Amino acid sequence: MELFDAQFGRLHRVLNRLSGDPEMAADVVQEAFVRLYARGSMPDSPEGWLISVAMNLVRNEKSSQSRRLRLLTPSRSEAMHAGHSPDPAEAAGAEASRRQVRQALERVPERERRMLLLQAEGYRYRDIALALGIHEASVGVFLVRARRAFRKAFEEHDAP
């Protein structure tokens, strides 16, 4: 129960940012915890194991969604993402900024995107390495490259 309390919100935020779908992110996090329980024993690094399983589940879900999208037109509610701001201009500016960041993240390669989101949520290098299947000593170098790729994608969006 301690692990769930400590990790659910954090993992949900990463997956929500990765997928853009808070409901799917919550379902995936729950499924990852169910799989941890069904495993019967605690892995050496439960945080890293959960990240790895959850990211694989998100990838599988996104793949399934893209197949469904060929047949259906999605209708997503932006109301779930919008906060109640007293100033409509401020809210519109904040939404435009979030959209610009999301678009830049989408132009960054998948591994780099995942690294940035995990690091932004405060995961340790060991957990990031385990989740992405890379050597822990390489995480710092890959994060520098990921930040550079994000910055380039963000700036290209601003260019006329």
C-alpha atoms as a PDB file:
ATOM      1  CA  MET A   1       0.000   0.000   0.000  1.00  0.00           C
ATOM      2  CA  GLU A   2       2.906   2.361   0.729  1.00  0.00           C
ATOM      3  CA  LEU A   3       4.323   1.824  -2.741  1.00  0.00           C
ATOM      4  CA  PHE A   4       0.933   2.540  -4.312  1.00  0.00           C
ATOM      5  CA  ASP A   5       0.465   5.727  -2.297  1.00  0.00           C
ATOM      6  CA  ALA A   6       3.989   6.909  -3.093  1.00  0.00           C
ATOM      7  CA  GLN A   7       3.996   6.084  -6.803  1.00  0.00           C
ATOM      8  CA  PHE A   8       0.468   6.238  -8.217  1.00  0.00           C
ATOM      9  CA  GLY A   9       0.223  10.027  -8.607  1.00  0.00           C
ATOM     10  CA  ARG A  10       3.750  10.403  -9.880  1.00  0.00           C
ATOM     11  CA  LEU A  11       3.425   7.631 -12.453  1.00  0.00           C
ATOM     12  CA  HIS A  12      -0.004   8.889 -13.502  1.00  0.00           C
ATOM     13  CA  ARG A  13       1.387  12.374 -14.207  1.00  0.00           C
ATOM     14  CA  VAL A  14       4.146  10.939 -16.419  1.00  0.00           C
ATOM     15  CA  LEU A  15       1.754   8.722 -18.365  1.00  0.00           C
ATOM     16  CA  ASN A  16      -0.825  11.494 -18.673  1.00  0.00           C
ATOM     17  CA  ARG A  17       1.804  13.793 -20.174  1.00  0.00           C
ATOM     18  CA  LEU A  18       3.019  11.012 -22.425  1.00  0.00           C
ATOM     19  CA  SER A  19      -0.419   9.999 -23.646  1.00  0.00           C
ATOM     20  CA  GLY A  20      -2.477  13.184 -23.260  1.00  0.00           C
ATOM     21  CA  ASP A  21      -5.309  11.023 -21.911  1.00  0.00           C
ATOM     22  CA  PRO A  22      -5.782  11.143 -18.110  1.00  0.00           C
ATOM     23  CA  GLU A  23      -8.332   8.327 -18.031  1.00  0.00           C
ATOM     24  CA  MET A  24      -6.144   5.981 -20.015  1.00  0.00           C
ATOM     25  CA  ALA A  25      -3.150   6.944 -17.873  1.00  0.00           C
ATOM     26  CA  ALA A  26      -5.075   6.079 -14.682  1.00  0.00           C
ATOM     27  CA  ASP A  27      -6.161   2.736 -16.144  1.00  0.00           C
ATOM     28  CA  VAL A  28      -2.612   1.897 -17.183  1.00  0.00           C
ATOM     29  CA  VAL A  29      -1.159   2.767 -13.771  1.00  0.00           C
ATOM     30  CA  GLN A  30      -3.767   0.578 -12.090  1.00  0.00           C
ATOM     31  CA  GLU A  31      -2.999  -2.262 -14.504  1.00  0.00           C
ATOM     32  CA  ALA A  32       0.730  -1.947 -13.743  1.00  0.00           C
ATOM     33  CA  PHE A  33       0.016  -2.278 -10.013  1.00  0.00           C
ATOM     34  CA  VAL A  34      -2.259  -5.262 -10.654  1.00  0.00           C
ATOM     35  CA  ARG A  35       0.562  -6.916 -12.584  1.00  0.00           C
ATOM     36  CA  LEU A  36       2.993  -6.157  -9.769  1.00  0.00           C
ATOM     37  CA  TYR A  37       0.631  -7.833  -7.311  1.00  0.00           C
ATOM     38  CA  ALA A  38       0.061 -10.802  -9.648  1.00  0.00           C
ATOM     39  CA  ARG A  39       3.831 -11.190  -9.980  1.00  0.00           C
ATOM     40  CA  GLY A  40       3.890 -12.547  -6.440  1.00  0.00           C
ATOM     41  CA  SER A  41       7.239 -11.071  -5.419  1.00  0.00           C
ATOM     42  CA  MET A  42       8.669  -7.595  -5.231  1.00  0.00           C
ATOM     43  CA  PRO A  43      11.263  -6.777  -7.937  1.00  0.00           C
ATOM     44  CA  ASP A  44      14.642  -5.340  -6.926  1.00  0.00           C
ATOM     45  CA  SER A  45      13.567  -1.903  -8.122  1.00  0.00           C
ATOM     46  CA  PRO A  46       9.767  -1.657  -7.853  1.00  0.00           C
ATOM     47  CA  GLU A  47       9.654   1.944  -9.138  1.00  0.00           C
ATOM     48  CA  GLY A  48      11.659   1.066 -12.236  1.00  0.00           C
ATOM     49  CA  TRP A  49       9.641  -2.098 -12.802  1.00  0.00           C
ATOM     50  CA  LEU A  50       6.367  -0.150 -12.582  1.00  0.00           C
ATOM     51  CA  ILE A  51       7.624   2.527 -14.990  1.00  0.00           C
ATOM     52  CA  SER A  52       8.772  -0.070 -17.482  1.00  0.00           C
ATOM     53  CA  VAL A  53       5.518  -2.055 -17.377  1.00  0.00           C
ATOM     54  CA  ALA A  54       3.355   1.084 -17.477  1.00  0.00           C
ATOM     55  CA  MET A  55       5.198   2.552 -20.455  1.00  0.00           C
ATOM     56  CA  ASN A  56       4.854  -0.721 -22.346  1.00  0.00           C
ATOM     57  CA  LEU A  57       1.139  -0.727 -21.557  1.00  0.00           C
ATOM     58  CA  VAL A  58       0.807   2.868 -22.808  1.00  0.00           C
ATOM     59  CA  ARG A  59       2.617   1.963 -26.023  1.00  0.00           C
ATOM     60  CA  ASN A  60       0.290  -1.006 -26.509  1.00  0.00           C
ATOM     61  CA  GLU A  61      -2.780   1.107 -25.762  1.00  0.00           C
ATOM     62  CA  LYS A  62      -1.707   3.879 -28.139  1.00  0.00           C
ATOM     63  CA  SER A  63      -1.156   1.284 -30.847  1.00  0.00           C
ATOM     64  CA  SER A  64      -4.650  -0.104 -30.254  1.00  0.00           C
ATOM     65  CA  GLN A  65      -6.111   3.394 -30.285  1.00  0.00           C
ATOM     66  CA  SER A  66      -4.463   4.242 -33.589  1.00  0.00           C
ATOM     67  CA  ARG A  67      -6.034   1.144 -35.123  1.00  0.00           C
ATOM     68  CA  ARG A  68      -9.432   2.190 -33.776  1.00  0.00           C
ATOM     69  CA  LEU A  69      -8.957   5.762 -35.013  1.00  0.00           C
ATOM     70  CA  ARG A  70      -8.870   4.528 -38.576  1.00  0.00           C
ATOM     71  CA  LEU A  71     -12.525   3.614 -38.145  1.00  0.00           C
ATOM     72  CA  LEU A  72     -13.752   6.168 -35.637  1.00  0.00           C
ATOM     73  CA  THR A  73     -13.315   9.875 -35.085  1.00  0.00           C
ATOM     74  CA  PRO A  74     -12.222  10.513 -31.511  1.00  0.00           C
ATOM     75  CA  SER A  75     -14.081  13.024 -29.412  1.00  0.00           C
ATOM     76  CA  ARG A  76     -11.893  14.155 -26.530  1.00  0.00           C
ATOM     77  CA  SER A  77     -13.103  16.553 -23.941  1.00  0.00           C
ATOM     78  CA  GLU A  78     -10.770  19.493 -23.484  1.00  0.00           C
ATOM     79  CA  ALA A  79     -12.734  20.367 -20.362  1.00  0.00           C
ATOM     80  CA  MET A  80     -10.787  17.704 -18.465  1.00  0.00           C
ATOM     81  CA  HIS A  81      -7.558  19.578 -19.128  1.00  0.00           C
ATOM     82  CA  ALA A  82      -8.814  23.127 -18.685  1.00  0.00           C
ATOM     83  CA  GLY A  83      -8.741  24.832 -15.316  1.00  0.00           C
ATOM     84  CA  HIS A  84     -11.127  27.544 -14.228  1.00  0.00           C
ATOM     85  CA  SER A  85      -9.268  30.811 -14.630  1.00  0.00           C
ATOM     86  CA  PRO A  86     -10.891  34.120 -13.884  1.00  0.00           C
ATOM     87  CA  ASP A  87      -9.095  35.733 -16.850  1.00  0.00           C
ATOM     88  CA  PRO A  88     -10.045  34.188 -20.229  1.00  0.00           C
ATOM     89  CA  ALA A  89      -7.026  35.747 -21.970  1.00  0.00           C
ATOM     90  CA  GLU A  90      -4.678  34.267 -19.370  1.00  0.00           C
ATOM     91  CA  ALA A  91      -6.338  30.863 -19.707  1.00  0.00           C
ATOM     92  CA  ALA A  92      -6.047  31.003 -23.502  1.00  0.00           C
ATOM     93  CA  GLY A  93      -2.363  31.940 -23.252  1.00  0.00           C
ATOM     94  CA  ALA A  94      -1.684  29.096 -20.837  1.00  0.00           C
ATOM     95  CA  GLU A  95      -3.490  26.631 -23.098  1.00  0.00           C
ATOM     96  CA  ALA A  96      -1.515  27.850 -26.119  1.00  0.00           C
ATOM     97  CA  SER A  97       1.713  27.430 -24.170  1.00  0.00           C
ATOM     98  CA  ARG A  98       0.772  23.867 -23.105  1.00  0.00           C
ATOM     99  CA  ARG A  99      -0.152  23.041 -26.691  1.00  0.00           C
ATOM    100  CA  GLN A 100       3.185  24.395 -27.938  1.00  0.00           C
ATOM    101  CA  VAL A 101       5.110  22.304 -25.391  1.00  0.00           C
ATOM    102  CA  ARG A 102       3.083  19.181 -26.250  1.00  0.00           C
ATOM    103  CA  GLN A 103       3.683  19.723 -29.987  1.00  0.00           C
ATOM    104  CA  ALA A 104       7.419  20.116 -29.395  1.00  0.00           C
ATOM    105  CA  LEU A 105       7.439  16.957 -27.256  1.00  0.00           C
ATOM    106  CA  GLU A 106       5.648  15.056 -30.019  1.00  0.00           C
ATOM    107  CA  ARG A 107       8.427  15.976 -32.460  1.00  0.00           C
ATOM    108  CA  VAL A 108      11.102  14.599 -30.116  1.00  0.00           C
ATOM    109  CA  PRO A 109      11.948  10.897 -30.554  1.00  0.00           C
ATOM    110  CA  GLU A 110       9.991   8.573 -28.250  1.00  0.00           C
ATOM    111  CA  ARG A 111      12.910   7.559 -26.012  1.00  0.00           C
ATOM    112  CA  GLU A 112      13.946  11.176 -25.449  1.00  0.00           C
ATOM    113  CA  ARG A 113      10.348  12.203 -24.751  1.00  0.00           C
ATOM    114  CA  ARG A 114      10.006   9.488 -22.133  1.00  0.00           C
ATOM    115  CA  MET A 115      13.321  10.436 -20.539  1.00  0.00           C
ATOM    116  CA  LEU A 116      12.315  14.081 -20.243  1.00  0.00           C
ATOM    117  CA  LEU A 117       8.940  13.257 -18.725  1.00  0.00           C
ATOM    118  CA  LEU A 118      10.389  10.777 -16.230  1.00  0.00           C
ATOM    119  CA  GLN A 119      13.130  13.175 -15.201  1.00  0.00           C
ATOM    120  CA  ALA A 120      10.650  16.057 -14.879  1.00  0.00           C
ATOM    121  CA  GLU A 121       8.648  13.898 -12.500  1.00  0.00           C
ATOM    122  CA  GLY A 122      11.736  13.283 -10.376  1.00  0.00           C
ATOM    123  CA  TYR A 123      12.566   9.667 -11.173  1.00  0.00           C
ATOM    124  CA  ARG A 124      16.143   8.622 -10.426  1.00  0.00           C
ATOM    125  CA  TYR A 125      18.597   7.726 -13.168  1.00  0.00           C
ATOM    126  CA  ARG A 126      18.433   4.070 -12.087  1.00  0.00           C
ATOM    127  CA  ASP A 127      14.665   3.964 -12.608  1.00  0.00           C
ATOM    128  CA  ILE A 128      14.864   5.819 -15.911  1.00  0.00           C
ATOM    129  CA  ALA A 129      17.534   3.393 -17.124  1.00  0.00           C
ATOM    130  CA  LEU A 130      15.470   0.386 -16.118  1.00  0.00           C
ATOM    131  CA  ALA A 131      12.298   1.779 -17.686  1.00  0.00           C
ATOM    132  CA  LEU A 132      14.002   2.529 -20.995  1.00  0.00           C
ATOM    133  CA  GLY A 133      16.367  -0.419 -21.140  1.00  0.00           C
ATOM    134  CA  ILE A 134      19.586   1.592 -21.152  1.00  0.00           C
ATOM    135  CA  HIS A 135      22.670   1.614 -18.939  1.00  0.00           C
ATOM    136  CA  GLU A 136      22.364   3.876 -15.897  1.00  0.00           C
ATOM    137  CA  ALA A 137      25.664   5.602 -16.672  1.00  0.00           C
ATOM    138  CA  SER A 138      24.260   6.691 -20.049  1.00  0.00           C
ATOM    139  CA  VAL A 139      21.165   8.436 -18.678  1.00  0.00           C
ATOM    140  CA  GLY A 140      22.877  11.792 -18.105  1.00  0.00           C
ATOM    141  CA  VAL A 141      24.264  11.950 -21.637  1.00  0.00           C
ATOM    142  CA  PHE A 142      20.931  10.911 -23.139  1.00  0.00           C
ATOM    143  CA  LEU A 143      19.106  13.529 -21.061  1.00  0.00           C
ATOM    144  CA  VAL A 144      21.392  16.259 -22.391  1.00  0.00           C
ATOM    145  CA  ARG A 145      20.618  15.095 -25.935  1.00  0.00           C
ATOM    146  CA  ALA A 146      16.915  14.901 -25.140  1.00  0.00           C
ATOM    147  CA  ARG A 147      16.871  18.460 -23.784  1.00  0.00           C
ATOM    148  CA  ARG A 148      18.722  19.656 -26.876  1.00  0.00           C
ATOM    149  CA  ALA A 149      16.231  17.880 -29.169  1.00  0.00           C
ATOM    150  CA  PHE A 150      13.296  19.367 -27.248  1.00  0.00           C
ATOM    151  CA  ARG A 151      14.771  22.861 -27.359  1.00  0.00           C
ATOM    152  CA  LYS A 152      15.320  22.551 -31.120  1.00  0.00           C
ATOM    153  CA  ALA A 153      11.753  21.285 -31.693  1.00  0.00           C
ATOM    154  CA  PHE A 154      10.359  24.071 -29.518  1.00  0.00           C
ATOM    155  CA  GLU A 155      12.353  26.776 -31.287  1.00  0.00           C
ATOM    156  CA  GLU A 156      11.457  25.436 -34.738  1.00  0.00           C
ATOM    157  CA  HIS A 157       7.805  25.832 -33.778  1.00  0.00           C
ATOM    158  CA  ASP A 158       8.455  29.523 -33.007  1.00  0.00           C
ATOM    159  CA  ALA A 159      10.296  30.138 -36.279  1.00  0.00           C
ATOM    160  CA  PRO A 160       8.191  31.652 -39.081  1.00  0.00           C
END
